[in-house]
Amino acid sequence: METTKRFYIRPMDRFVHPDLKDVSLAAALHALADPVRLEIIARLVANPCLNSGASCPGNTPKSTLSNHFNVLRAAGLIETTAEGRERMNRLRRADFDARFPGLLDSVLANKP
């Protein structure tokens, strides 16, 4: 009897990046309120493009980090692209500052 191997080809990840005019101040503040997300943003300020592993603090579980990245994307703070098996994150600093002038600087200046 002949055995046929079947391979599942996973479709490319598609990340939703909202237009910042559709992002509310409440969504932006919610995204910046969590210490883990704020640390991710601080790391992206220091290095504008990081893979998901390098932009994450400590031993945070992968599922938790996935949620944090989704919140940051939904608030228009980051843009994520797939490069092979890596997920690269870039801070949308200019766009975010244009929508909410001074907010990111103020929050980062008061980061514990």
C-alpha atoms as a PDB file:
ATOM      1  CA  MET A   1       0.000   0.000   0.000  1.00  0.00           C
ATOM      2  CA  GLU A   2       1.361   3.381  -0.963  1.00  0.00           C
ATOM      3  CA  THR A   3       1.366   6.164   1.619  1.00  0.00           C
ATOM      4  CA  THR A   4       0.881   9.722   0.504  1.00  0.00           C
ATOM      5  CA  LYS A   5       2.383  12.496   2.564  1.00  0.00           C
ATOM      6  CA  ARG A   6       0.310  15.607   2.820  1.00  0.00           C
ATOM      7  CA  PHE A   7       1.780  18.927   3.721  1.00  0.00           C
ATOM      8  CA  TYR A   8      -0.196  21.826   4.992  1.00  0.00           C
ATOM      9  CA  ILE A   9       0.953  25.121   3.588  1.00  0.00           C
ATOM     10  CA  ARG A  10       0.029  27.854   5.996  1.00  0.00           C
ATOM     11  CA  PRO A  11      -1.229  31.066   4.403  1.00  0.00           C
ATOM     12  CA  MET A  12       0.790  34.218   4.909  1.00  0.00           C
ATOM     13  CA  ASP A  13      -0.028  36.173   8.033  1.00  0.00           C
ATOM     14  CA  ARG A  14      -2.014  39.291   7.351  1.00  0.00           C
ATOM     15  CA  PHE A  15      -1.772  41.977   9.942  1.00  0.00           C
ATOM     16  CA  VAL A  16      -4.400  44.669  10.258  1.00  0.00           C
ATOM     17  CA  HIS A  17      -2.968  48.159  10.660  1.00  0.00           C
ATOM     18  CA  PRO A  18      -5.692  50.763  11.207  1.00  0.00           C
ATOM     19  CA  ASP A  19      -5.733  54.217   9.756  1.00  0.00           C
ATOM     20  CA  LEU A  20      -4.821  56.386  12.740  1.00  0.00           C
ATOM     21  CA  LYS A  21      -7.720  58.766  12.119  1.00  0.00           C
ATOM     22  CA  ASP A  22      -9.943  55.839  13.179  1.00  0.00           C
ATOM     23  CA  VAL A  23      -8.051  55.250  16.468  1.00  0.00           C
ATOM     24  CA  SER A  24      -9.579  56.876  19.542  1.00  0.00           C
ATOM     25  CA  LEU A  25      -7.627  58.478  22.353  1.00  0.00           C
ATOM     26  CA  ALA A  26      -9.094  55.862  24.699  1.00  0.00           C
ATOM     27  CA  ALA A  27      -7.641  53.039  22.559  1.00  0.00           C
ATOM     28  CA  ALA A  28      -4.242  54.739  22.484  1.00  0.00           C
ATOM     29  CA  LEU A  29      -4.226  55.258  26.263  1.00  0.00           C
ATOM     30  CA  HIS A  30      -5.374  51.673  26.853  1.00  0.00           C
ATOM     31  CA  ALA A  31      -2.477  50.379  24.738  1.00  0.00           C
ATOM     32  CA  LEU A  32       0.040  52.508  26.638  1.00  0.00           C
ATOM     33  CA  ALA A  33      -1.374  51.709  30.095  1.00  0.00           C
ATOM     34  CA  ASP A  34       0.046  48.191  30.385  1.00  0.00           C
ATOM     35  CA  PRO A  35       3.667  47.930  31.672  1.00  0.00           C
ATOM     36  CA  VAL A  36       4.577  45.140  29.227  1.00  0.00           C
ATOM     37  CA  ARG A  37       3.245  47.069  26.232  1.00  0.00           C
ATOM     38  CA  LEU A  38       4.956  50.218  27.439  1.00  0.00           C
ATOM     39  CA  GLU A  39       8.261  48.309  27.676  1.00  0.00           C
ATOM     40  CA  ILE A  40       7.774  47.031  24.106  1.00  0.00           C
ATOM     41  CA  ILE A  41       7.220  50.618  22.934  1.00  0.00           C
ATOM     42  CA  ALA A  42      10.295  51.837  24.849  1.00  0.00           C
ATOM     43  CA  ARG A  43      12.412  49.150  23.158  1.00  0.00           C
ATOM     44  CA  LEU A  44      11.049  50.145  19.763  1.00  0.00           C
ATOM     45  CA  VAL A  45      11.870  53.797  20.442  1.00  0.00           C
ATOM     46  CA  ALA A  46      15.472  52.781  21.123  1.00  0.00           C
ATOM     47  CA  ASN A  47      15.614  50.469  18.090  1.00  0.00           C
ATOM     48  CA  PRO A  48      13.028  51.311  15.408  1.00  0.00           C
ATOM     49  CA  CYS A  49      12.640  47.781  14.007  1.00  0.00           C
ATOM     50  CA  LEU A  50      12.809  44.645  16.158  1.00  0.00           C
ATOM     51  CA  ASN A  51      11.637  41.081  15.828  1.00  0.00           C
ATOM     52  CA  SER A  52       8.948  39.996  18.248  1.00  0.00           C
ATOM     53  CA  GLY A  53      11.386  38.178  20.538  1.00  0.00           C
ATOM     54  CA  ALA A  54      13.777  41.121  20.909  1.00  0.00           C
ATOM     55  CA  SER A  55      11.012  43.593  21.598  1.00  0.00           C
ATOM     56  CA  CYS A  56       9.577  41.546  24.469  1.00  0.00           C
ATOM     57  CA  PRO A  57      10.483  41.842  28.132  1.00  0.00           C
ATOM     58  CA  GLY A  58      11.341  38.831  30.298  1.00  0.00           C
ATOM     59  CA  ASN A  59       9.690  35.453  30.216  1.00  0.00           C
ATOM     60  CA  THR A  60       6.257  36.556  29.079  1.00  0.00           C
ATOM     61  CA  PRO A  61       4.290  33.653  27.531  1.00  0.00           C
ATOM     62  CA  LYS A  62       3.964  33.701  23.746  1.00  0.00           C
ATOM     63  CA  SER A  63       0.157  33.818  23.870  1.00  0.00           C
ATOM     64  CA  THR A  64       0.271  36.851  26.164  1.00  0.00           C
ATOM     65  CA  LEU A  65       2.750  38.607  23.899  1.00  0.00           C
ATOM     66  CA  SER A  66       0.545  37.907  20.897  1.00  0.00           C
ATOM     67  CA  ASN A  67      -2.297  39.709  22.650  1.00  0.00           C
ATOM     68  CA  HIS A  68      -0.042  42.661  23.556  1.00  0.00           C
ATOM     69  CA  PHE A  69       1.091  43.015  19.933  1.00  0.00           C
ATOM     70  CA  ASN A  70      -2.532  42.876  18.749  1.00  0.00           C
ATOM     71  CA  VAL A  71      -3.477  45.698  21.140  1.00  0.00           C
ATOM     72  CA  LEU A  72      -0.500  47.802  20.029  1.00  0.00           C
ATOM     73  CA  ARG A  73      -1.363  47.238  16.351  1.00  0.00           C
ATOM     74  CA  ALA A  74      -5.036  48.076  16.927  1.00  0.00           C
ATOM     75  CA  ALA A  75      -4.022  51.343  18.584  1.00  0.00           C
ATOM     76  CA  GLY A  76      -1.858  52.244  15.604  1.00  0.00           C
ATOM     77  CA  LEU A  77       1.378  52.198  17.580  1.00  0.00           C
ATOM     78  CA  ILE A  78       3.199  49.457  15.693  1.00  0.00           C
ATOM     79  CA  GLU A  79       3.343  47.968  12.227  1.00  0.00           C
ATOM     80  CA  THR A  80       4.143  44.258  11.972  1.00  0.00           C
ATOM     81  CA  THR A  81       5.478  42.533   8.882  1.00  0.00           C
ATOM     82  CA  ALA A  82       6.296  38.895   8.265  1.00  0.00           C
ATOM     83  CA  GLU A  83       9.833  38.199   7.077  1.00  0.00           C
ATOM     84  CA  GLY A  84      10.079  34.453   6.708  1.00  0.00           C
ATOM     85  CA  ARG A  85       9.407  32.989  10.131  1.00  0.00           C
ATOM     86  CA  GLU A  86      10.173  36.247  11.910  1.00  0.00           C
ATOM     87  CA  ARG A  87       7.672  38.950  12.759  1.00  0.00           C
ATOM     88  CA  MET A  88       9.263  42.378  12.569  1.00  0.00           C
ATOM     89  CA  ASN A  89       7.739  45.266  14.504  1.00  0.00           C
ATOM     90  CA  ARG A  90       8.229  48.914  13.663  1.00  0.00           C
ATOM     91  CA  LEU A  91       7.034  51.859  15.723  1.00  0.00           C
ATOM     92  CA  ARG A  92       4.674  54.122  13.767  1.00  0.00           C
ATOM     93  CA  ARG A  93       6.098  57.116  15.585  1.00  0.00           C
ATOM     94  CA  ALA A  94       5.549  59.867  13.011  1.00  0.00           C
ATOM     95  CA  ASP A  95       1.964  58.776  12.282  1.00  0.00           C
ATOM     96  CA  PHE A  96       1.121  58.377  15.965  1.00  0.00           C
ATOM     97  CA  ASP A  97       2.677  61.738  16.900  1.00  0.00           C
ATOM     98  CA  ALA A  98       0.712  63.433  14.123  1.00  0.00           C
ATOM     99  CA  ARG A  99      -2.555  61.974  15.483  1.00  0.00           C
ATOM    100  CA  PHE A 100      -1.773  62.450  19.197  1.00  0.00           C
ATOM    101  CA  PRO A 101       0.901  65.180  19.488  1.00  0.00           C
ATOM    102  CA  GLY A 102       3.100  64.798  22.563  1.00  0.00           C
ATOM    103  CA  LEU A 103       1.244  61.793  23.993  1.00  0.00           C
ATOM    104  CA  LEU A 104       3.952  59.198  23.428  1.00  0.00           C
ATOM    105  CA  ASP A 105       6.723  61.482  24.709  1.00  0.00           C
ATOM    106  CA  SER A 106       4.696  62.322  27.808  1.00  0.00           C
ATOM    107  CA  VAL A 107       3.898  58.691  28.622  1.00  0.00           C
ATOM    108  CA  LEU A 108       7.495  57.541  28.033  1.00  0.00           C
ATOM    109  CA  ALA A 109       8.890  60.396  30.147  1.00  0.00           C
ATOM    110  CA  ASN A 110       6.756  59.207  33.080  1.00  0.00           C
ATOM    111  CA  LYS A 111       7.487  55.501  32.588  1.00  0.00           C
ATOM    112  CA  PRO A 112       8.342  53.837  35.921  1.00  0.00           C
END
